[in-house]
Each structure stands twice: as structure tokens, then as C-alpha cells.
Amino acid sequence: MRVTRMLAVIAAAALPLTACGGGSTEPESKASSSSSAATPQTPEIETPTVPGLGTTAHTAGSHHPIAGSGGGVLDLTPTSVVYVPAATDQTPKNGTYAVVAYKARSSTAVAAAETAPAEGGGWQWIAPDGQSVTTLDGDATSVTPAGFMGSGPVALGSYQWRSVVFDLTAAQHGGQLVYTDGEGKTYRWQMPAKDKGPEVARLKKALAG
């Protein structure tokens, strides 16, 4: 009789221990997994890719301030860039001329002209550190490479070889070429830090003489 009572006491004492074993029957590893799965993930932000040499931008043309004609669509294709310590008997103030050769083509029923800096458009160079350089900075406007001096409106169905020049320091090589068109839209091209492109030899020859 005494043995029976002892067994009953032991059984009663064991019941609370079983109940206190946890409020969930889910294994610990599974609960941890469910908790981490519910944590929101930070989305990755994609950086837009900037095209390089040889890429054509279909830009809005502008009315030429002198000729009066223009508008339409002007296709611009930078093809080559060179970095030279002097050009057409001119010396840069900042150490290097960066000269970009590009093709300008009219692709609509009217002649198309480029926008000018005075109109809030035209060409810029954005250095790797973010500094903006215009064609009017330094001594870039005096460089005139023969064969790459097209200007004014481009006639329907034709194209011209042109060039844009910047007076840069060595640290500003390898920046981005930027063009703002007649509607204020901006186009960018990533420039290599060294000479590159199919017109390099012809461009250097034109800059030397």
C-alpha cells in the first residue's frame, strides 16, 4: 500500500515537468528558419550601364543660331578618343587635350544642327571625380583638326566627321562624354583612359599638322 502511494506521488510530480517543456511542439531549427524567412530582404539597386565608343544616340536637333535651319533628329556616334600634350600648334593649360572624333548624321526630313553651350546644351566632359569640364575651359577652342571640323546643320541623309576637344589634367582622363540635345535630354558615353578607336591614327595626324 505504501509502495503504491509513493508511485502515485512520483507520477504526479513528473506531470508539470512535461508541461513546462515549451509552448510549441515545433523543433527549434524549424522555428528559427521560419523567423529568418520572414525578415524582409533589401532589394539590390542596379547601376545603369553607360555605353562606350561606337554607340549612336538619336538626339533632338536644334535650329542653328546663324544658318537658321535645323531641328529634326541628329544621330551622334563618338568613335575614337586621343589624349595629346599638344595639338595644331596649341598647348593645353591643364596638361592634355582629350579629342573625341564623332560622326554627326541627320536622319529625318530636315537638316539637323547641334545645340550650343549658350543654349544650355552641347558637349561636356565629366571627370572620374565628378568635376564637369566644358569645351570653353582651358584652351580647347583653339584646336582645329583638319577633316574633323564639321559644323552647322547636317543636310538630310548626309553626315559629317566632327571632333570635340577638352583641356584636361591627367587625373581627368577616362571620364564620361556628355551631350545635351535641343530638348534638354542628356546622353552619356564612357570614355577609355587611353587612346582608342578606329580613327585614332587619322585623328592624331590631323592634330599634328
C-alpha atoms as a PDB file:
ATOM      1  CA  MET A   1       0.000   0.000   0.000  1.00  0.00           C
ATOM      2  CA  ARG A   2       2.824   2.313   0.950  1.00  0.00           C
ATOM      3  CA  VAL A   3       4.626   1.470  -2.319  1.00  0.00           C
ATOM      4  CA  THR A   4       1.515   2.308  -4.348  1.00  0.00           C
ATOM      5  CA  ARG A   5       1.257   5.761  -2.766  1.00  0.00           C
ATOM      6  CA  MET A   6       4.913   6.518  -3.484  1.00  0.00           C
ATOM      7  CA  LEU A   7       4.463   5.660  -7.194  1.00  0.00           C
ATOM      8  CA  ALA A   8       1.442   7.945  -7.397  1.00  0.00           C
ATOM      9  CA  VAL A   9       3.385  10.855  -5.867  1.00  0.00           C
ATOM     10  CA  ILE A  10       6.271  10.387  -8.307  1.00  0.00           C
ATOM     11  CA  ALA A  11       3.894  10.311 -11.299  1.00  0.00           C
ATOM     12  CA  ALA A  12       2.130  13.484 -10.143  1.00  0.00           C
ATOM     13  CA  ALA A  13       5.465  15.304  -9.697  1.00  0.00           C
ATOM     14  CA  ALA A  14       6.549  14.383 -13.239  1.00  0.00           C
ATOM     15  CA  LEU A  15       3.473  15.920 -14.934  1.00  0.00           C
ATOM     16  CA  PRO A  16       4.417  19.660 -14.513  1.00  0.00           C
ATOM     17  CA  LEU A  17       7.895  18.964 -15.854  1.00  0.00           C
ATOM     18  CA  THR A  18       6.405  17.631 -19.083  1.00  0.00           C
ATOM     19  CA  ALA A  19       4.054  20.603 -19.450  1.00  0.00           C
ATOM     20  CA  CYS A  20       6.866  23.113 -18.935  1.00  0.00           C
ATOM     21  CA  GLY A  21       8.899  21.661 -21.747  1.00  0.00           C
ATOM     22  CA  GLY A  22       7.853  24.527 -24.114  1.00  0.00           C
ATOM     23  CA  GLY A  23       4.700  26.036 -25.563  1.00  0.00           C
ATOM     24  CA  SER A  24       5.496  24.852 -29.103  1.00  0.00           C
ATOM     25  CA  THR A  25       5.885  21.375 -30.490  1.00  0.00           C
ATOM     26  CA  GLU A  26       7.850  22.824 -33.484  1.00  0.00           C
ATOM     27  CA  PRO A  27      11.577  21.912 -33.485  1.00  0.00           C
ATOM     28  CA  GLU A  28      13.936  24.794 -32.627  1.00  0.00           C
ATOM     29  CA  SER A  29      15.731  24.651 -36.007  1.00  0.00           C
ATOM     30  CA  LYS A  30      12.434  24.877 -37.903  1.00  0.00           C
ATOM     31  CA  ALA A  31      11.215  27.842 -35.824  1.00  0.00           C
ATOM     32  CA  SER A  32      14.498  29.685 -36.399  1.00  0.00           C
ATOM     33  CA  SER A  33      14.241  29.055 -40.137  1.00  0.00           C
ATOM     34  CA  SER A  34      10.680  30.430 -40.266  1.00  0.00           C
ATOM     35  CA  SER A  35      11.762  33.569 -38.389  1.00  0.00           C
ATOM     36  CA  SER A  36      14.650  34.316 -40.770  1.00  0.00           C
ATOM     37  CA  ALA A  37      12.442  33.709 -43.816  1.00  0.00           C
ATOM     38  CA  ALA A  38      10.024  36.357 -42.593  1.00  0.00           C
ATOM     39  CA  THR A  39      12.798  39.009 -42.439  1.00  0.00           C
ATOM     40  CA  PRO A  40      12.410  41.368 -45.438  1.00  0.00           C
ATOM     41  CA  GLN A  41      15.356  41.425 -47.840  1.00  0.00           C
ATOM     42  CA  THR A  42      16.879  44.722 -49.024  1.00  0.00           C
ATOM     43  CA  PRO A  43      16.493  44.918 -52.836  1.00  0.00           C
ATOM     44  CA  GLU A  44      19.670  45.387 -54.895  1.00  0.00           C
ATOM     45  CA  ILE A  45      19.875  48.695 -56.782  1.00  0.00           C
ATOM     46  CA  GLU A  46      21.146  48.289 -60.334  1.00  0.00           C
ATOM     47  CA  THR A  47      23.512  50.967 -61.651  1.00  0.00           C
ATOM     48  CA  PRO A  48      22.619  51.979 -65.226  1.00  0.00           C
ATOM     49  CA  THR A  49      25.277  50.959 -67.729  1.00  0.00           C
ATOM     50  CA  VAL A  50      26.865  53.849 -69.638  1.00  0.00           C
ATOM     51  CA  PRO A  51      27.576  52.915 -73.287  1.00  0.00           C
ATOM     52  CA  GLY A  52      31.029  53.364 -74.775  1.00  0.00           C
ATOM     53  CA  LEU A  53      32.598  54.366 -78.098  1.00  0.00           C
ATOM     54  CA  GLY A  54      30.706  53.319 -81.206  1.00  0.00           C
ATOM     55  CA  THR A  55      27.243  53.756 -79.664  1.00  0.00           C
ATOM     56  CA  THR A  56      24.802  56.014 -81.532  1.00  0.00           C
ATOM     57  CA  ALA A  57      22.495  58.444 -79.732  1.00  0.00           C
ATOM     58  CA  HIS A  58      19.381  59.678 -81.576  1.00  0.00           C
ATOM     59  CA  THR A  59      19.271  63.272 -80.337  1.00  0.00           C
ATOM     60  CA  ALA A  60      16.822  66.112 -80.939  1.00  0.00           C
ATOM     61  CA  GLY A  61      18.307  68.632 -83.341  1.00  0.00           C
ATOM     62  CA  SER A  62      18.423  72.365 -82.745  1.00  0.00           C
ATOM     63  CA  HIS A  63      17.906  75.363 -85.022  1.00  0.00           C
ATOM     64  CA  HIS A  64      21.319  76.721 -85.940  1.00  0.00           C
ATOM     65  CA  PRO A  65      21.777  80.238 -84.475  1.00  0.00           C
ATOM     66  CA  ILE A  66      23.331  81.598 -87.697  1.00  0.00           C
ATOM     67  CA  ALA A  67      22.017  79.468 -90.553  1.00  0.00           C
ATOM     68  CA  GLY A  68      18.549  79.359 -89.028  1.00  0.00           C
ATOM     69  CA  SER A  69      17.857  75.820 -90.219  1.00  0.00           C
ATOM     70  CA  GLY A  70      17.823  72.734 -88.072  1.00  0.00           C
ATOM     71  CA  GLY A  71      15.538  70.689 -85.868  1.00  0.00           C
ATOM     72  CA  GLY A  72      14.826  67.097 -86.770  1.00  0.00           C
ATOM     73  CA  VAL A  73      16.946  64.260 -85.386  1.00  0.00           C
ATOM     74  CA  LEU A  74      20.740  64.294 -85.225  1.00  0.00           C
ATOM     75  CA  ASP A  75      22.432  60.919 -84.784  1.00  0.00           C
ATOM     76  CA  LEU A  76      25.721  61.277 -82.877  1.00  0.00           C
ATOM     77  CA  THR A  77      28.279  58.458 -82.727  1.00  0.00           C
ATOM     78  CA  PRO A  78      31.565  59.038 -80.845  1.00  0.00           C
ATOM     79  CA  THR A  79      34.044  56.574 -82.329  1.00  0.00           C
ATOM     80  CA  SER A  80      37.545  57.463 -81.090  1.00  0.00           C
ATOM     81  CA  VAL A  81      39.404  59.401 -78.413  1.00  0.00           C
ATOM     82  CA  VAL A  82      43.044  60.507 -78.153  1.00  0.00           C
ATOM     83  CA  TYR A  83      44.985  62.251 -75.399  1.00  0.00           C
ATOM     84  CA  VAL A  84      47.779  64.513 -76.661  1.00  0.00           C
ATOM     85  CA  PRO A  85      50.175  67.000 -74.963  1.00  0.00           C
ATOM     86  CA  ALA A  86      49.783  69.478 -77.848  1.00  0.00           C
ATOM     87  CA  ALA A  87      47.602  69.840 -80.953  1.00  0.00           C
ATOM     88  CA  THR A  88      47.569  72.022 -84.096  1.00  0.00           C
ATOM     89  CA  ASP A  89      50.390  74.143 -82.603  1.00  0.00           C
ATOM     90  CA  GLN A  90      48.408  74.764 -79.402  1.00  0.00           C
ATOM     91  CA  THR A  91      49.372  73.841 -75.830  1.00  0.00           C
ATOM     92  CA  PRO A  92      46.780  72.897 -73.207  1.00  0.00           C
ATOM     93  CA  LYS A  93      46.677  74.798 -69.929  1.00  0.00           C
ATOM     94  CA  ASN A  94      45.975  71.657 -67.895  1.00  0.00           C
ATOM     95  CA  GLY A  95      48.461  69.278 -69.487  1.00  0.00           C
ATOM     96  CA  THR A  96      46.419  67.267 -72.015  1.00  0.00           C
ATOM     97  CA  TYR A  97      43.964  67.698 -74.835  1.00  0.00           C
ATOM     98  CA  ALA A  98      41.301  64.998 -74.950  1.00  0.00           C
ATOM     99  CA  VAL A  99      39.996  64.936 -78.527  1.00  0.00           C
ATOM    100  CA  VAL A 100      36.939  62.861 -79.396  1.00  0.00           C
ATOM    101  CA  ALA A 101      36.068  62.113 -83.035  1.00  0.00           C
ATOM    102  CA  TYR A 102      32.385  61.563 -83.742  1.00  0.00           C
ATOM    103  CA  LYS A 103      30.016  61.171 -86.670  1.00  0.00           C
ATOM    104  CA  ALA A 104      27.010  63.521 -86.914  1.00  0.00           C
ATOM    105  CA  ARG A 105      24.206  62.376 -89.214  1.00  0.00           C
ATOM    106  CA  SER A 106      20.757  63.788 -89.989  1.00  0.00           C
ATOM    107  CA  SER A 107      18.123  61.039 -90.072  1.00  0.00           C
ATOM    108  CA  THR A 108      14.873  62.927 -90.748  1.00  0.00           C
ATOM    109  CA  ALA A 109      13.363  65.081 -93.489  1.00  0.00           C
ATOM    110  CA  VAL A 110      15.052  68.287 -92.316  1.00  0.00           C
ATOM    111  CA  ALA A 111      18.610  69.380 -91.657  1.00  0.00           C
ATOM    112  CA  ALA A 112      19.723  68.941 -88.053  1.00  0.00           C
ATOM    113  CA  ALA A 113      22.130  71.048 -86.013  1.00  0.00           C
ATOM    114  CA  GLU A 114      23.813  70.584 -82.643  1.00  0.00           C
ATOM    115  CA  THR A 115      22.895  72.608 -79.596  1.00  0.00           C
ATOM    116  CA  ALA A 116      25.377  75.195 -78.353  1.00  0.00           C
ATOM    117  CA  PRO A 117      26.640  75.855 -74.801  1.00  0.00           C
ATOM    118  CA  ALA A 118      24.937  79.257 -74.973  1.00  0.00           C
ATOM    119  CA  GLU A 119      21.613  77.406 -75.353  1.00  0.00           C
ATOM    120  CA  GLY A 120      22.295  75.269 -72.301  1.00  0.00           C
ATOM    121  CA  GLY A 121      23.281  72.278 -74.424  1.00  0.00           C
ATOM    122  CA  GLY A 122      26.260  70.874 -76.281  1.00  0.00           C
ATOM    123  CA  TRP A 123      29.194  68.834 -75.002  1.00  0.00           C
ATOM    124  CA  GLN A 124      30.730  68.307 -71.564  1.00  0.00           C
ATOM    125  CA  TRP A 125      33.315  66.009 -70.021  1.00  0.00           C
ATOM    126  CA  ILE A 126      32.595  64.547 -66.573  1.00  0.00           C
ATOM    127  CA  ALA A 127      35.869  63.581 -64.882  1.00  0.00           C
ATOM    128  CA  PRO A 128      36.116  60.398 -62.741  1.00  0.00           C
ATOM    129  CA  ASP A 129      35.821  62.537 -59.581  1.00  0.00           C
ATOM    130  CA  GLY A 130      32.627  64.144 -60.891  1.00  0.00           C
ATOM    131  CA  GLN A 131      34.025  67.519 -61.987  1.00  0.00           C
ATOM    132  CA  SER A 132      32.374  68.919 -65.117  1.00  0.00           C
ATOM    133  CA  VAL A 133      34.610  70.341 -67.850  1.00  0.00           C
ATOM    134  CA  THR A 134      33.211  72.240 -70.842  1.00  0.00           C
ATOM    135  CA  THR A 135      34.711  72.908 -74.253  1.00  0.00           C
ATOM    136  CA  LEU A 136      35.220  76.530 -73.149  1.00  0.00           C
ATOM    137  CA  ASP A 137      37.512  75.623 -70.226  1.00  0.00           C
ATOM    138  CA  GLY A 138      41.262  75.922 -70.601  1.00  0.00           C
ATOM    139  CA  ASP A 139      42.471  76.322 -74.184  1.00  0.00           C
ATOM    140  CA  ALA A 140      40.305  73.784 -76.015  1.00  0.00           C
ATOM    141  CA  THR A 141      38.555  76.053 -78.534  1.00  0.00           C
ATOM    142  CA  SER A 142      41.767  76.776 -80.464  1.00  0.00           C
ATOM    143  CA  VAL A 143      42.313  73.124 -81.517  1.00  0.00           C
ATOM    144  CA  THR A 144      41.123  72.544 -85.091  1.00  0.00           C
ATOM    145  CA  PRO A 145      41.936  69.087 -86.529  1.00  0.00           C
ATOM    146  CA  ALA A 146      41.572  69.011 -90.324  1.00  0.00           C
ATOM    147  CA  GLY A 147      38.930  66.579 -91.523  1.00  0.00           C
ATOM    148  CA  PHE A 148      37.071  66.690 -88.201  1.00  0.00           C
ATOM    149  CA  MET A 149      35.814  70.271 -88.308  1.00  0.00           C
ATOM    150  CA  GLY A 150      32.230  69.798 -89.496  1.00  0.00           C
ATOM    151  CA  SER A 151      29.807  72.445 -88.231  1.00  0.00           C
ATOM    152  CA  GLY A 152      26.397  73.962 -88.891  1.00  0.00           C
ATOM    153  CA  PRO A 153      23.287  71.974 -89.874  1.00  0.00           C
ATOM    154  CA  VAL A 154      23.787  68.495 -91.328  1.00  0.00           C
ATOM    155  CA  ALA A 155      21.813  68.030 -94.549  1.00  0.00           C
ATOM    156  CA  LEU A 156      19.207  65.276 -94.847  1.00  0.00           C
ATOM    157  CA  GLY A 157      20.734  61.850 -95.464  1.00  0.00           C
ATOM    158  CA  SER A 158      24.326  63.050 -95.062  1.00  0.00           C
ATOM    159  CA  TYR A 159      26.891  63.004 -92.267  1.00  0.00           C
ATOM    160  CA  GLN A 160      29.976  64.908 -91.144  1.00  0.00           C
ATOM    161  CA  TRP A 161      33.071  63.898 -89.197  1.00  0.00           C
ATOM    162  CA  ARG A 162      33.418  66.236 -86.254  1.00  0.00           C
ATOM    163  CA  SER A 163      35.505  66.497 -83.099  1.00  0.00           C
ATOM    164  CA  VAL A 164      35.062  67.867 -79.604  1.00  0.00           C
ATOM    165  CA  VAL A 165      38.077  68.929 -77.538  1.00  0.00           C
ATOM    166  CA  PHE A 166      38.643  69.277 -73.778  1.00  0.00           C
ATOM    167  CA  ASP A 167      41.616  70.688 -71.862  1.00  0.00           C
ATOM    168  CA  LEU A 168      42.192  68.156 -69.056  1.00  0.00           C
ATOM    169  CA  THR A 169      44.563  67.123 -66.297  1.00  0.00           C
ATOM    170  CA  ALA A 170      45.919  63.562 -66.308  1.00  0.00           C
ATOM    171  CA  ALA A 171      43.567  62.639 -63.442  1.00  0.00           C
ATOM    172  CA  GLN A 172      40.547  63.606 -65.575  1.00  0.00           C
ATOM    173  CA  HIS A 173      41.259  61.044 -68.310  1.00  0.00           C
ATOM    174  CA  GLY A 174      38.754  58.219 -68.643  1.00  0.00           C
ATOM    175  CA  GLY A 175      35.677  60.267 -67.777  1.00  0.00           C
ATOM    176  CA  GLN A 176      32.265  60.422 -69.408  1.00  0.00           C
ATOM    177  CA  LEU A 177      31.425  62.341 -72.563  1.00  0.00           C
ATOM    178  CA  VAL A 178      28.058  64.093 -72.178  1.00  0.00           C
ATOM    179  CA  TYR A 179      25.808  65.739 -74.774  1.00  0.00           C
ATOM    180  CA  THR A 180      22.624  67.729 -74.086  1.00  0.00           C
ATOM    181  CA  ASP A 181      20.303  67.995 -77.109  1.00  0.00           C
ATOM    182  CA  GLY A 182      17.747  70.531 -78.328  1.00  0.00           C
ATOM    183  CA  GLU A 183      15.071  69.204 -75.946  1.00  0.00           C
ATOM    184  CA  GLY A 184      17.338  69.227 -72.899  1.00  0.00           C
ATOM    185  CA  LYS A 185      17.823  65.449 -72.874  1.00  0.00           C
ATOM    186  CA  THR A 186      21.272  64.224 -71.830  1.00  0.00           C
ATOM    187  CA  TYR A 187      23.282  61.391 -73.414  1.00  0.00           C
ATOM    188  CA  ARG A 188      26.437  59.824 -71.983  1.00  0.00           C
ATOM    189  CA  TRP A 189      29.328  57.722 -73.240  1.00  0.00           C
ATOM    190  CA  GLN A 190      32.051  56.169 -71.097  1.00  0.00           C
ATOM    191  CA  MET A 191      35.488  57.177 -72.412  1.00  0.00           C
ATOM    192  CA  PRO A 192      38.582  54.956 -72.060  1.00  0.00           C
ATOM    193  CA  ALA A 193      41.574  56.434 -70.209  1.00  0.00           C
ATOM    194  CA  LYS A 194      43.890  55.744 -73.175  1.00  0.00           C
ATOM    195  CA  ASP A 195      43.747  56.297 -76.936  1.00  0.00           C
ATOM    196  CA  LYS A 196      41.153  54.054 -78.554  1.00  0.00           C
ATOM    197  CA  GLY A 197      39.038  53.761 -81.707  1.00  0.00           C
ATOM    198  CA  PRO A 198      39.299  53.250 -85.487  1.00  0.00           C
ATOM    199  CA  GLU A 199      40.018  56.953 -86.174  1.00  0.00           C
ATOM    200  CA  VAL A 200      42.965  57.239 -83.731  1.00  0.00           C
ATOM    201  CA  ALA A 201      45.721  57.315 -86.390  1.00  0.00           C
ATOM    202  CA  ARG A 202      43.831  59.728 -88.691  1.00  0.00           C
ATOM    203  CA  LEU A 203      42.908  61.969 -85.767  1.00  0.00           C
ATOM    204  CA  LYS A 204      46.482  62.143 -84.459  1.00  0.00           C
ATOM    205  CA  LYS A 205      47.741  63.009 -87.938  1.00  0.00           C
ATOM    206  CA  ALA A 206      45.199  65.814 -88.195  1.00  0.00           C
ATOM    207  CA  LEU A 207      46.208  67.144 -84.770  1.00  0.00           C
ATOM    208  CA  ALA A 208      49.910  67.123 -85.588  1.00  0.00           C
ATOM    209  CA  GLY A 209      49.737  69.451 -88.582  1.00  0.00           C
END
